[in-house]
Protein backbone atom coordinates (compact mmCIF):
# COMPACT_ATOMS: atom_id res chain seq x y z
CA MET A 1 -72.73 34.05 -84.48
CA SER A 2 -71.04 31.27 -82.46
CA GLN A 3 -67.11 31.86 -81.57
CA GLU A 4 -66.22 28.93 -84.39
CA GLN A 5 -68.12 31.20 -87.10
CA GLY A 6 -66.85 34.21 -85.81
CA ILE A 7 -63.09 32.63 -86.54
CA VAL A 8 -64.01 31.72 -89.59
CA ARG A 9 -65.65 35.11 -90.59
CA GLU A 10 -62.81 36.72 -89.62
CA PHE A 11 -60.29 34.73 -91.33
CA VAL A 12 -62.15 34.60 -94.92
CA ASP A 13 -62.94 38.40 -94.34
CA GLU A 14 -59.12 38.96 -94.06
CA ILE A 15 -57.17 36.75 -97.02
CA ASP A 16 -56.03 37.87 -100.07
CA PRO A 17 -57.92 35.22 -102.04
CA LEU A 18 -55.01 35.72 -105.41
CA VAL A 19 -52.15 35.72 -102.86
CA PHE A 20 -53.38 33.37 -100.55
CA GLY A 21 -54.59 30.87 -103.09
CA PHE A 22 -51.24 31.00 -104.95
CA GLY A 23 -49.60 29.88 -101.88
CA ILE A 24 -51.96 27.20 -101.07
CA LEU A 25 -52.15 26.01 -104.60
CA THR A 26 -48.24 26.13 -104.93
CA ALA A 27 -47.50 24.04 -101.73
CA ILE A 28 -49.92 21.18 -103.10
CA THR A 29 -49.08 21.33 -106.43
CA PHE A 30 -45.37 20.61 -104.86
CA LEU A 31 -46.76 17.82 -102.49
CA GLY A 32 -49.14 16.17 -104.91
CA TYR A 33 -46.20 15.82 -107.21
CA VAL A 34 -44.07 14.15 -104.53
CA LEU A 35 -46.78 11.99 -104.08
CA LEU A 36 -47.61 11.20 -107.98
CA VAL A 37 -44.09 10.56 -109.12
CA GLY A 38 -42.22 9.43 -105.61
CA PRO A 39 -39.86 11.00 -103.35
CA ASP A 40 -36.48 9.65 -105.47
CA LYS A 41 -37.96 11.20 -108.91
CA ALA A 42 -39.03 14.70 -107.37
CA GLY A 43 -35.87 15.03 -105.28
CA ASN A 44 -33.91 14.13 -109.17
CA THR A 45 -36.40 16.93 -110.74
CA MET A 46 -35.24 19.39 -107.89
CA GLU A 47 -31.71 18.87 -108.21
CA ALA A 48 -31.73 19.10 -111.88
CA ILE A 49 -33.47 22.61 -111.93
CA ASN A 50 -30.92 23.79 -108.94
CA ASN A 51 -28.23 22.65 -110.97
CA TRP A 52 -29.25 24.06 -114.02
CA LEU A 53 -29.85 27.62 -111.69
CA TRP A 54 -26.62 28.01 -109.97
CA THR A 55 -24.65 26.72 -113.27
CA ASN A 56 -26.22 29.45 -115.64
CA PHE A 57 -26.90 32.43 -112.94
CA SER A 58 -24.55 31.87 -110.08
CA TRP A 59 -23.42 35.51 -111.52
CA PHE A 60 -26.87 36.91 -110.83
CA TYR A 61 -27.28 35.60 -107.13
CA LEU A 62 -23.53 37.30 -106.53
CA TRP A 63 -23.84 40.18 -108.00
CA ALA A 64 -27.45 41.00 -106.30
CA MET A 65 -26.15 40.43 -102.96
CA LEU A 66 -22.60 42.57 -103.55
CA ILE A 67 -25.09 45.78 -104.65
CA PHE A 68 -27.46 44.72 -101.67
CA VAL A 69 -24.27 45.02 -98.91
CA GLY A 70 -23.07 48.07 -101.01
CA PHE A 71 -26.18 49.89 -100.84
CA THR A 72 -27.12 49.06 -96.64
CA THR A 73 -23.66 50.12 -96.08
CA PHE A 74 -24.40 53.39 -97.91
CA LEU A 75 -27.39 53.55 -95.88
CA ILE A 76 -25.46 53.32 -92.34
CA PHE A 77 -23.46 56.15 -93.14
CA GLY A 78 -24.80 58.29 -96.10
CA PRO A 79 -27.30 60.83 -95.15
CA TRP A 80 -30.49 58.90 -95.70
CA GLY A 81 -29.55 57.05 -92.30
CA LYS A 82 -31.04 59.92 -90.40
CA ILE A 83 -34.63 59.27 -91.90
CA LYS A 84 -37.25 57.94 -89.02
CA LEU A 85 -39.54 55.48 -89.77
CA GLY A 86 -42.60 57.06 -88.37
CA PRO A 87 -43.11 60.56 -87.64
CA PRO A 88 -40.97 63.10 -86.20
CA ASP A 89 -41.48 62.23 -82.49
CA ALA A 90 -42.06 58.58 -82.82
CA GLU A 91 -40.53 56.81 -80.02
CA PRO A 92 -39.24 53.32 -80.29
CA LYS A 93 -41.90 50.41 -79.05
CA HIS A 94 -39.47 47.99 -77.95
CA SER A 95 -35.78 48.24 -75.90
CA PHE A 96 -32.72 47.92 -77.91
CA PHE A 97 -31.96 44.09 -76.47
CA ALA A 98 -35.88 43.38 -77.01
CA TYR A 99 -35.50 45.38 -80.62
CA PHE A 100 -32.36 43.15 -81.36
CA ALA A 101 -33.25 39.92 -80.10
CA MET A 102 -36.43 39.98 -81.89
CA PHE A 103 -34.77 40.36 -85.62
CA PHE A 104 -31.77 38.66 -84.78
CA SER A 105 -34.07 35.41 -83.38
CA ALA A 106 -36.39 35.93 -86.73
CA GLY A 107 -33.59 36.94 -89.19
CA ILE A 108 -31.38 34.32 -88.63
CA ALA A 109 -34.12 31.59 -87.64
CA ALA A 110 -32.35 28.22 -86.80
CA GLY A 111 -29.37 28.44 -88.96
CA ILE A 112 -27.01 29.61 -86.74
CA VAL A 113 -28.36 26.37 -84.27
CA PHE A 114 -27.81 24.35 -87.37
CA TRP A 115 -24.66 25.48 -89.17
CA GLY A 116 -22.56 26.72 -86.31
CA PRO A 117 -21.07 23.15 -85.26
CA ALA A 118 -21.16 22.19 -88.82
CA GLU A 119 -19.92 24.30 -91.40
CA ALA A 120 -16.65 24.67 -90.60
CA ILE A 121 -15.85 21.04 -89.48
CA PHE A 122 -17.67 20.05 -92.78
CA HIS A 123 -15.24 22.25 -94.95
CA TYR A 124 -12.24 20.95 -92.98
CA GLY A 125 -12.98 17.63 -93.74
CA SER A 126 -14.03 18.47 -97.54
CA GLY A 127 -12.10 21.43 -98.56
CA THR A 128 -12.70 24.81 -99.74
CA PRO A 129 -11.88 27.11 -102.71
CA LEU A 130 -9.40 28.35 -100.52
CA ALA A 131 -7.46 25.17 -99.29
CA GLY A 132 -8.37 21.88 -100.63
CA ALA A 133 -8.90 18.47 -98.54
CA ASP A 134 -5.56 17.57 -99.16
CA ALA A 135 -3.92 21.03 -97.62
CA PRO A 136 -2.50 21.39 -94.32
CA ALA A 137 -4.55 21.25 -91.51
CA LYS A 138 -4.27 24.69 -90.60
CA GLN A 139 -4.79 26.08 -93.55
CA ARG A 140 -8.20 23.82 -94.32
CA MET A 141 -8.89 25.74 -90.64
CA LEU A 142 -7.99 28.89 -91.61
CA GLY A 143 -10.30 28.57 -95.20
CA SER A 144 -12.96 27.17 -93.20
CA LEU A 145 -13.48 30.03 -90.89
CA GLN A 146 -12.74 32.49 -93.78
CA TYR A 147 -15.43 31.30 -95.84
CA THR A 148 -18.19 30.34 -92.66
CA PHE A 149 -17.32 34.06 -91.96
CA PHE A 150 -18.30 34.98 -95.46
CA HIS A 151 -21.76 33.14 -95.59
CA TRP A 152 -23.10 34.05 -92.31
CA GLY A 153 -21.31 37.99 -92.17
CA ILE A 154 -22.61 41.18 -93.34
CA SER A 155 -23.93 39.65 -96.39
CA ALA A 156 -26.05 37.47 -94.46
CA TRP A 157 -28.15 40.34 -93.38
CA ALA A 158 -28.19 43.13 -96.09
CA ALA A 159 -30.97 41.24 -98.28
CA TYR A 160 -33.58 41.93 -95.38
CA LEU A 161 -32.69 45.44 -94.72
CA ILE A 162 -33.40 45.95 -98.62
CA VAL A 163 -36.93 45.04 -97.86
CA GLY A 164 -37.07 46.14 -94.39
CA VAL A 165 -35.93 49.83 -94.94
CA PRO A 166 -38.54 50.62 -97.56
CA ILE A 167 -41.63 48.72 -95.93
CA GLY A 168 -40.86 50.51 -92.85
CA TYR A 169 -40.81 53.84 -94.18
CA PHE A 170 -43.68 53.80 -96.27
CA ALA A 171 -46.03 51.49 -93.66
CA HIS A 172 -45.05 54.07 -90.43
CA LYS A 173 -44.72 57.31 -92.37
CA LYS A 174 -46.87 56.91 -95.30
CA GLY A 175 -49.88 54.31 -94.53
CA ALA A 176 -48.73 51.60 -96.96
CA PRO A 177 -49.51 48.08 -96.21
CA PHE A 178 -47.50 46.03 -94.28
CA LYS A 179 -46.92 43.84 -97.32
CA PHE A 180 -43.81 43.03 -100.15
CA SER A 181 -45.27 44.91 -103.03
CA THR A 182 -44.73 48.22 -100.81
CA ILE A 183 -41.10 48.14 -101.63
CA ILE A 184 -42.00 49.74 -105.16
CA ALA A 185 -44.31 51.94 -103.89
CA PRO A 186 -41.98 54.92 -105.58
CA LEU A 187 -42.78 53.44 -108.80
CA VAL A 188 -46.66 52.82 -108.76
CA GLY A 189 -47.31 55.18 -105.95
CA VAL A 190 -48.84 53.96 -102.30
CA GLU A 191 -52.29 54.77 -103.21
CA ASN A 192 -51.88 52.55 -106.45
CA ILE A 193 -50.22 49.28 -104.30
CA ASP A 194 -53.70 47.36 -103.76
CA GLY A 195 -54.59 47.45 -107.64
CA SER A 196 -51.66 47.45 -109.30
CA TYR A 197 -50.81 44.18 -111.46
CA PHE A 198 -46.93 44.92 -110.82
CA ALA A 199 -47.66 44.67 -107.21
CA ARG A 200 -49.83 41.75 -107.31
CA VAL A 201 -47.34 40.07 -109.29
CA VAL A 202 -44.76 40.81 -106.64
CA ASP A 203 -46.93 39.83 -103.75
CA LEU A 204 -47.23 36.47 -105.40
CA ILE A 205 -43.21 36.15 -105.74
CA ALA A 206 -42.62 36.91 -102.22
CA VAL A 207 -45.21 33.76 -101.07
CA PHE A 208 -43.30 31.68 -103.56
CA GLY A 209 -39.84 32.80 -101.93
CA THR A 210 -41.14 32.68 -98.58
CA MET A 211 -42.39 29.22 -98.62
CA GLY A 212 -39.41 28.30 -99.81
CA GLY A 213 -37.04 30.12 -97.41
CA ILE A 214 -39.57 28.72 -94.11
CA ALA A 215 -39.36 25.46 -95.39
CA THR A 216 -35.78 25.55 -95.71
CA SER A 217 -35.44 26.79 -92.35
CA LEU A 218 -37.97 24.54 -91.04
CA GLY A 219 -36.39 21.37 -92.69
CA PHE A 220 -32.98 22.21 -91.47
CA ILE A 221 -33.97 22.80 -87.51
CA GLY A 222 -36.17 19.58 -87.89
CA GLN A 223 -33.43 17.64 -88.69
CA GLN A 224 -31.39 18.88 -86.27
CA LEU A 225 -34.20 17.66 -83.70
CA LEU A 226 -34.67 14.42 -85.20
CA MET A 227 -30.61 13.89 -85.30
CA GLY A 228 -30.32 14.77 -81.64
CA MET A 229 -33.39 12.23 -80.86
CA ASP A 230 -31.60 9.50 -82.79
CA TYR A 231 -27.93 10.37 -81.49
CA GLN A 232 -29.19 10.43 -77.74
CA PHE A 233 -31.51 7.81 -77.64
CA GLY A 234 -31.23 5.78 -80.73
CA SER A 235 -29.05 2.49 -81.17
CA VAL A 236 -25.46 3.13 -81.98
CA ARG A 237 -24.40 3.53 -85.63
CA THR A 238 -21.53 1.97 -87.39
CA PRO A 239 -20.68 3.55 -90.99
CA SER A 240 -21.73 0.44 -92.47
CA ALA A 241 -25.23 0.57 -90.53
CA SER A 242 -26.57 3.43 -92.56
CA ALA A 243 -25.50 4.81 -95.89
CA SER A 244 -27.72 7.91 -94.84
CA ALA A 245 -29.48 9.60 -92.32
CA LEU A 246 -32.55 7.67 -92.37
CA PRO A 247 -33.77 5.50 -91.28
CA LEU A 248 -33.96 7.55 -87.73
CA ASP A 249 -33.62 5.39 -84.84
CA VAL A 250 -35.80 6.66 -81.17
CA PHE A 251 -35.97 3.92 -78.32
CA GLY A 252 -35.72 1.18 -80.61
CA ILE A 253 -38.21 2.38 -83.13
CA GLN A 254 -37.46 3.15 -86.59
CA LEU A 255 -39.05 6.28 -88.19
CA GLY A 256 -39.71 5.70 -91.86
CA ASP A 257 -40.84 8.29 -94.07
CA ILE A 258 -44.15 8.57 -92.54
CA GLY A 259 -42.70 9.10 -88.67
CA ILE A 260 -40.69 11.57 -90.02
CA ILE A 261 -43.84 13.42 -91.77
CA LEU A 262 -45.68 13.26 -88.66
CA VAL A 263 -43.20 14.09 -86.13
CA ILE A 264 -42.37 17.50 -88.03
CA ILE A 265 -45.81 18.62 -88.75
CA GLY A 266 -46.96 17.58 -85.35
CA VAL A 267 -43.86 19.70 -83.33
CA THR A 268 -44.84 22.64 -86.16
CA THR A 269 -48.23 22.30 -84.68
CA VAL A 270 -47.98 21.96 -81.32
CA PHE A 271 -45.78 25.18 -81.52
CA THR A 272 -47.45 27.25 -83.48
CA LEU A 273 -50.58 26.76 -81.24
CA SER A 274 -48.58 27.49 -78.14
CA VAL A 275 -46.93 30.85 -79.16
CA ILE A 276 -50.19 32.14 -81.49
CA SER A 277 -50.42 35.36 -78.92
CA GLY A 278 -48.58 38.41 -80.94
CA VAL A 279 -45.16 39.66 -81.03
CA GLU A 280 -45.15 40.98 -77.20
CA LYS A 281 -46.18 37.26 -75.69
CA GLY A 282 -45.02 34.68 -77.82
CA ILE A 283 -41.88 35.99 -80.27
CA LYS A 284 -40.57 38.79 -78.00
CA ARG A 285 -39.90 36.47 -74.80
CA LEU A 286 -39.21 33.55 -76.74
CA SER A 287 -36.35 35.81 -78.78
CA GLN A 288 -34.89 37.07 -75.75
CA LEU A 289 -34.80 33.60 -74.40
CA ASN A 290 -32.90 32.26 -77.20
CA VAL A 291 -30.33 35.57 -77.20
CA ILE A 292 -29.65 34.38 -73.55
CA VAL A 293 -29.31 30.56 -74.40
CA PHE A 294 -27.37 31.22 -77.33
CA ILE A 295 -24.51 33.59 -75.28
CA LEU A 296 -24.53 31.50 -72.25
CA LEU A 297 -23.71 28.34 -74.70
CA GLY A 298 -21.14 30.01 -76.26
CA VAL A 299 -19.63 31.66 -73.27
CA LEU A 300 -19.51 28.00 -71.70
CA VAL A 301 -17.74 26.25 -74.50
CA PHE A 302 -15.15 29.30 -74.86
CA PHE A 303 -14.14 28.85 -71.55
CA ILE A 304 -14.24 25.34 -71.34
CA GLY A 305 -11.78 25.97 -74.14
CA VAL A 306 -9.21 28.23 -72.29
CA TYR A 307 -9.31 25.73 -69.30
CA ASN A 308 -8.32 22.90 -71.88
CA GLY A 309 -5.95 25.48 -73.42
CA MET A 310 -7.30 25.38 -77.07
CA ALA A 311 -8.94 28.93 -76.72
CA SER A 312 -5.79 30.66 -77.45
CA PHE A 313 -5.23 28.56 -81.09
CA VAL A 314 -9.15 29.01 -81.93
CA LEU A 315 -8.67 32.94 -81.31
CA ASN A 316 -5.57 33.58 -83.05
CA LEU A 317 -6.92 31.12 -86.10
CA GLY A 318 -10.15 33.17 -86.09
CA THR A 319 -8.44 36.35 -85.98
CA GLN A 320 -6.45 36.07 -89.15
CA ALA A 321 -9.37 34.32 -90.77
CA ILE A 322 -11.52 37.76 -90.09
CA GLY A 323 -8.70 39.39 -91.27
CA GLN A 324 -8.35 37.55 -94.50
CA TYR A 325 -12.48 37.65 -94.53
CA PHE A 326 -12.58 41.44 -95.12
CA ASP A 327 -9.21 41.72 -96.77
CA GLN A 328 -10.44 39.08 -99.60
CA PHE A 329 -14.52 40.12 -99.61
CA ILE A 330 -14.92 41.51 -102.73
CA LYS A 331 -12.73 38.90 -104.36
CA MET A 332 -15.25 35.92 -102.52
CA SER A 333 -18.25 37.68 -103.04
CA LEU A 334 -17.78 37.46 -106.98
CA PHE A 335 -15.75 34.15 -107.58
CA THR A 336 -17.91 31.81 -109.36
CA GLY A 337 -15.15 28.91 -109.79
CA ALA A 338 -16.25 29.31 -113.49
CA ALA A 339 -12.51 28.13 -114.01
CA THR A 340 -12.07 25.44 -111.40
CA ASP A 341 -14.77 23.66 -109.79
CA SER A 342 -17.93 25.48 -109.23
CA SER A 343 -19.49 23.11 -107.26
CA PHE A 344 -18.53 24.42 -104.10
CA ILE A 345 -19.76 28.09 -104.69
CA GLY A 346 -23.29 26.43 -105.88
CA SER A 347 -23.75 24.39 -102.74
CA TRP A 348 -22.71 26.62 -100.24
CA THR A 349 -22.48 30.18 -101.56
CA ILE A 350 -25.36 30.46 -104.02
CA PHE A 351 -27.09 28.23 -101.74
CA TYR A 352 -26.78 30.81 -98.80
CA TRP A 353 -27.43 34.14 -100.82
CA ALA A 354 -30.69 32.23 -102.24
CA TRP A 355 -31.85 31.17 -98.48
CA TRP A 356 -31.19 34.68 -97.27
CA PHE A 357 -33.33 35.97 -100.46
CA SER A 358 -36.06 33.57 -99.93
CA TRP A 359 -36.11 34.40 -96.19
CA ALA A 360 -36.34 38.17 -96.72
CA PRO A 361 -39.77 38.93 -97.71
CA PHE A 362 -40.79 37.69 -94.19
CA SER A 363 -37.92 38.53 -92.50
CA GLY A 364 -38.04 42.42 -94.14
CA ILE A 365 -41.68 42.55 -93.25
CA PHE A 366 -41.21 41.55 -89.45
CA LEU A 367 -38.17 44.05 -89.42
CA ALA A 368 -40.56 46.68 -90.62
CA LYS A 369 -43.45 46.05 -88.34
CA ILE A 370 -40.99 46.35 -85.00
CA SER A 371 -38.67 49.20 -86.42
CA TYR A 372 -41.65 52.05 -85.76
CA GLY A 373 -39.67 54.98 -83.94
CA ARG A 374 -36.43 54.39 -85.52
CA THR A 375 -34.01 55.86 -87.76
CA ILE A 376 -32.83 53.97 -91.05
CA ARG A 377 -29.12 53.71 -89.70
CA GLU A 378 -30.03 52.58 -86.29
CA VAL A 379 -32.02 49.68 -88.41
CA THR A 380 -29.05 49.16 -90.70
CA PHE A 381 -26.66 49.05 -87.91
CA VAL A 382 -28.37 46.53 -85.67
CA GLY A 383 -29.62 44.52 -89.09
CA VAL A 384 -26.24 44.29 -90.50
CA VAL A 385 -23.20 45.51 -87.90
CA ALA A 386 -25.14 44.26 -84.10
CA THR A 387 -26.18 40.62 -85.65
CA THR A 388 -22.62 39.86 -87.39
CA LEU A 389 -21.05 41.01 -84.52
CA ALA A 390 -23.14 38.45 -82.71
CA THR A 391 -22.66 35.86 -85.29
CA ILE A 392 -19.00 35.63 -86.29
CA PRO A 393 -18.11 34.88 -82.20
CA TRP A 394 -20.09 32.24 -82.33
CA PHE A 395 -19.11 30.56 -85.65
CA LEU A 396 -15.51 31.05 -84.17
CA VAL A 397 -15.58 29.44 -81.39
CA ILE A 398 -17.85 26.33 -81.94
CA GLY A 399 -16.29 26.03 -85.46
CA GLY A 400 -12.61 26.65 -84.37
CA MET A 401 -13.06 24.38 -81.44
CA SER A 402 -15.03 21.68 -83.57
CA MET A 403 -11.72 21.83 -86.02
CA ARG A 404 -9.57 21.70 -83.17
CA MET A 405 -10.79 18.62 -81.18
CA GLN A 406 -11.11 17.16 -84.50
CA GLN A 407 -7.11 17.76 -85.17
CA LEU A 408 -6.08 16.56 -81.37
CA GLY A 409 -8.50 13.66 -81.55
CA ASN A 410 -10.62 14.80 -78.50
CA ALA A 411 -13.91 14.07 -80.68
CA ASP A 412 -13.89 12.27 -84.07
CA ILE A 413 -16.84 14.75 -85.75
CA LEU A 414 -16.09 13.72 -89.48
CA ALA A 415 -16.67 10.11 -88.02
CA VAL A 416 -20.44 10.36 -86.53
CA LEU A 417 -21.02 12.81 -90.01
CA SER A 418 -20.03 10.03 -91.76
CA ASN A 419 -22.26 7.49 -89.79
CA TYR A 420 -25.11 9.87 -90.73
CA GLY A 421 -24.68 9.73 -94.44
CA GLY A 422 -22.67 13.25 -94.25
CA ASN A 423 -25.90 14.70 -92.99
CA GLU A 424 -24.32 18.21 -91.28
CA ALA A 425 -27.24 18.14 -89.00
CA VAL A 426 -25.61 15.71 -86.70
CA SER A 427 -22.55 17.53 -86.41
CA GLY A 428 -23.25 19.72 -82.75
CA TYR A 429 -24.03 16.39 -80.68
CA PRO A 430 -20.38 14.81 -80.95
CA LEU A 431 -19.12 18.33 -80.03
CA PHE A 432 -20.96 19.04 -77.05
CA GLY A 433 -21.12 15.59 -75.84
CA ALA A 434 -17.31 15.54 -75.97
CA LEU A 435 -16.57 18.68 -74.15
CA PRO A 436 -16.10 18.70 -70.07
CA ALA A 437 -19.77 18.78 -68.84
CA GLY A 438 -21.07 17.59 -71.84
CA ALA A 439 -24.31 16.59 -70.80
CA LEU A 440 -25.12 19.86 -69.65
CA LEU A 441 -24.07 21.71 -72.87
CA SER A 442 -25.79 19.00 -74.87
CA GLY A 443 -28.73 19.72 -72.71
CA LEU A 444 -28.27 23.49 -73.28
CA PHE A 445 -27.72 22.60 -77.27
CA PHE A 446 -30.92 20.88 -77.50
CA LEU A 447 -32.69 23.35 -75.65
CA LEU A 448 -31.50 25.80 -78.21
CA VAL A 449 -32.73 23.98 -80.95
CA ILE A 450 -36.10 23.96 -79.53
CA THR A 451 -36.86 27.20 -78.72
CA PHE A 452 -35.26 28.27 -82.64
CA PHE A 453 -37.75 25.99 -83.49
CA VAL A 454 -40.68 27.67 -81.45
CA THR A 455 -39.36 30.76 -82.90
CA SER A 456 -38.79 30.19 -86.41
CA ALA A 457 -42.21 28.26 -86.89
CA ASP A 458 -44.14 31.40 -85.12
CA SER A 459 -42.34 34.32 -86.36
CA SER A 460 -42.36 33.09 -90.06
CA THR A 461 -45.82 31.65 -89.79
CA LEU A 462 -46.70 35.43 -88.72
CA GLY A 463 -44.76 36.42 -91.96
CA ILE A 464 -46.57 34.24 -94.17
CA ALA A 465 -50.12 34.92 -93.14
CA MET A 466 -49.26 38.87 -93.09
CA LEU A 467 -48.46 38.33 -96.94
CA THR A 468 -51.44 36.57 -97.38
CA THR A 469 -53.73 39.23 -95.74
CA GLY A 470 -52.83 41.93 -97.55
CA GLY A 471 -50.45 42.94 -95.13
CA LYS A 472 -52.79 42.80 -92.02
CA GLU A 473 -50.62 43.20 -89.04
CA SER A 474 -52.58 40.51 -86.53
CA PRO A 475 -53.97 38.20 -88.95
CA SER A 476 -55.79 35.32 -87.16
CA GLU A 477 -55.45 32.37 -85.52
CA LEU A 478 -56.49 30.60 -87.86
CA ASN A 479 -54.64 31.98 -90.62
CA ARG A 480 -51.26 31.24 -89.02
CA LEU A 481 -52.59 27.79 -87.92
CA ILE A 482 -53.04 26.75 -91.58
CA TRP A 483 -49.62 27.95 -92.78
CA GLY A 484 -47.82 26.74 -89.53
CA ILE A 485 -49.41 23.08 -90.53
CA LEU A 486 -48.72 23.46 -94.10
CA GLN A 487 -45.06 24.77 -93.75
CA GLY A 488 -44.03 21.83 -91.75
CA LEU A 489 -45.66 19.53 -93.91
CA VAL A 490 -43.33 21.06 -96.93
CA ALA A 491 -40.49 20.83 -94.92
CA ALA A 492 -41.03 17.59 -93.91
CA VAL A 493 -41.38 16.27 -97.40
CA LEU A 494 -38.01 18.10 -98.35
CA ILE A 495 -36.70 16.37 -95.82
CA VAL A 496 -37.96 12.81 -96.96
CA ILE A 497 -36.74 13.43 -100.68
CA GLY A 498 -33.45 14.78 -100.25
CA GLY A 499 -32.54 16.11 -96.65
CA THR A 500 -30.20 18.86 -96.37
CA ASN A 501 -29.82 18.52 -100.71
CA ALA A 502 -33.35 19.51 -101.08
CA LEU A 503 -33.74 21.98 -98.65
CA GLN A 504 -31.05 23.87 -100.04
CA GLN A 505 -32.23 22.97 -103.34
CA ALA A 506 -35.74 24.38 -102.39
CA ALA A 507 -33.99 27.93 -101.18
CA ILE A 508 -32.10 28.40 -104.45
CA ILE A 509 -34.81 27.65 -106.72
CA THR A 510 -37.42 29.98 -104.73
CA GLY A 511 -34.78 32.83 -103.64
CA GLY A 512 -33.59 34.13 -107.19
CA PRO A 513 -37.31 35.97 -108.33
CA VAL A 514 -37.03 37.46 -104.99
CA ALA A 515 -33.26 38.85 -105.42
CA LEU A 516 -34.75 40.68 -108.83
CA VAL A 517 -38.01 41.92 -106.97
CA GLY A 518 -35.23 43.57 -104.43
CA LEU A 519 -32.93 44.99 -106.85
CA ILE A 520 -36.20 46.82 -108.20
CA GLY A 521 -36.56 47.72 -104.23
CA VAL A 522 -33.12 49.75 -104.00
CA TYR A 523 -33.64 51.70 -107.27
CA GLY A 524 -36.86 52.99 -105.62
CA MET A 525 -35.33 53.48 -102.39
CA VAL A 526 -32.71 55.79 -104.35
CA LYS A 527 -35.64 57.63 -106.32
CA GLU A 528 -37.39 58.41 -102.93
CA PHE A 529 -34.35 59.40 -101.04
CA SER A 530 -32.88 61.34 -103.56
CA SER A 531 -35.28 64.09 -103.51
CA PHE A 532 -34.22 65.12 -99.53
CA LYS A 533 -31.03 66.97 -99.55
CA GLY A 534 -29.92 66.98 -96.19
CA ARG A 535 -32.12 69.03 -93.63
CA VAL A 536 -36.05 70.60 -93.62
CA LEU A 537 -37.03 73.58 -91.10
CA VAL A 538 -40.19 73.47 -89.87
CA GLN A 539 -41.68 76.74 -88.42
CA GLU A 540 -43.58 76.37 -85.38
CA GLY A 541 -44.64 79.66 -84.49
CA ALA A 542 -42.08 82.09 -84.19
CA SER A 543 -39.29 79.59 -83.74
CA ILE A 544 -37.54 77.45 -86.10
CA ARG A 545 -37.02 73.77 -85.22
CA ASP A 546 -34.42 71.93 -87.17
CA ASP A 547 -35.09 68.35 -87.84
CA ASP A 548 -32.26 66.33 -89.38
CA MET A 549 -33.68 64.67 -92.44
CA LEU A 550 -37.37 64.98 -91.64
CA ILE A 551 -39.12 63.41 -93.64
CA GLY A 552 -43.04 64.28 -93.96
CA GLY A 553 -42.38 67.25 -91.84
CA GLY A 554 -45.18 68.66 -89.37
CA SER A 555 -47.79 67.07 -86.97
CA SER A 556 -46.44 64.78 -84.32
CA SER A 557 -50.27 63.34 -84.06
CA GLY A 558 -49.30 60.68 -86.15
CA GLY A 559 -48.61 57.16 -85.40
CA PRO A 560 -47.86 53.80 -86.75
CA GLY A 561 -49.58 53.52 -90.41
CA ARG A 562 -50.61 56.90 -90.58
CA ALA A 563 -48.79 59.70 -92.63
CA THR A 564 -47.43 62.62 -90.75
CA SER A 565 -47.42 66.19 -93.31
CA ALA A 566 -46.74 69.50 -93.08
CA HIS A 567 -47.71 69.96 -96.97
CA PRO A 568 -51.02 69.24 -98.16
CA ALA A 569 -49.91 67.55 -101.02
CA ASP A 570 -47.92 64.57 -100.01
CA GLY A 571 -45.09 66.73 -97.87
CA ASP A 572 -42.31 64.37 -99.07
CA GLU A 573 -40.82 67.12 -101.60
CA ASP A 574 -37.84 69.15 -100.39
CA ASP A 575 -38.91 72.63 -101.13
């Protein structure tokens, strides 16, 4: 058998025909519909579906996320946090920094690069439910930062833990596959996951949601890449030169719809090919580079703010916004805007919550895979607290500096946004370019855009390939390449038919069903973990070893994907 035949055979043998076929059919149906009716009509259809969903089901998205936040908080502080994902003597495979960097890069995807310079300044110009567009400048700044913290704080990460914790538990301790349907194991049994019709439906929902989440993230960062090329190398724009973000101009060459599609597909394919080397060589190294550049850029901007006398204002503003964020967290979590204008909630909060939901199957599975040997408390602490402690300072410094510079007239970022048709993707370039050492900062920002695109493309194609192979930990390169190209194509088409609005709509449409499964997963975890009453004493000869919350007890010979039980049945009941 030739090498090429061997590659194809490996691919054919590993795929789950139903799940893989459903994913391919969904993508092709969407692309075919756009081609058949045209970008404008396709965009209008997506907008209509999206508006119906957030108008009628805002309450569901909001309650689901609040439940996820409450449950993950209980996992951190409650007794179940002592449960280890793996046998009793399992040790983590990655250092804390590498573990954090991988999950941070995969979980936040490219969103933090896109929205860091964009969200606060956009709210500053347009207003929020906390402060309208005609409110005093400082009040608008506070409202802008408060809502930015709300959208990117603890809520943003909770949905991932609802998926990652049960999959990590059942996979590392009971030998379940790394697939989305594993979260319903308490309902159908680990041994029945592969044969259960309910589990099959859950996996189809995961593919549907993940495709929307991945396309949204790749689309955002792809737009930012294109906007950067246009901003740096295109012709100067004026408000009358372009009513929208398109067409883009690079070195005097206009990128029409076909050009944009080719660029996004090309970049996605090249990056996917360049990093199909597994978690250890690919995602791990690039994730660490992401975090280093991310921290470096944030620190440089902060010290420039100190030098320019803006840092104290930004820190005071941010401190107050953080206080108001925690003080009004429940109120903001359940605010639908029903009595006033609900369009802000639909365009922002519901979009974000749905985006996190749609990204959760991939990110949760990825988190479960790298969490072997860690306790639930460690996983939830890193997944919610540590990540939030990394995102809040970024949005505080970048968002606060952006608004302060706009207020003082040091940079007219809102005018640049207007010149690009209000497309937030361009926000970072005028901000960093207007600061001292602007060329260096712009270069670092553009590098961050590229590296986050790489890790997003690599880790997301790994995630969806795992979903379509029944949970295989290392899907074939051909499988991942197919999904890399297809996801790049879907993302590019979404950019063409509606830009940022279409990407937001894709997330809302695909995120809801995943949230429903997540709520079932919460019930499953309660059902599974509530049988453990505190401590299990394991007899070792004449001595007693006291293992805090030793779930499954027993042998230390187990490893990832193996059940390790001291009891002849399943070893998971507290006798």
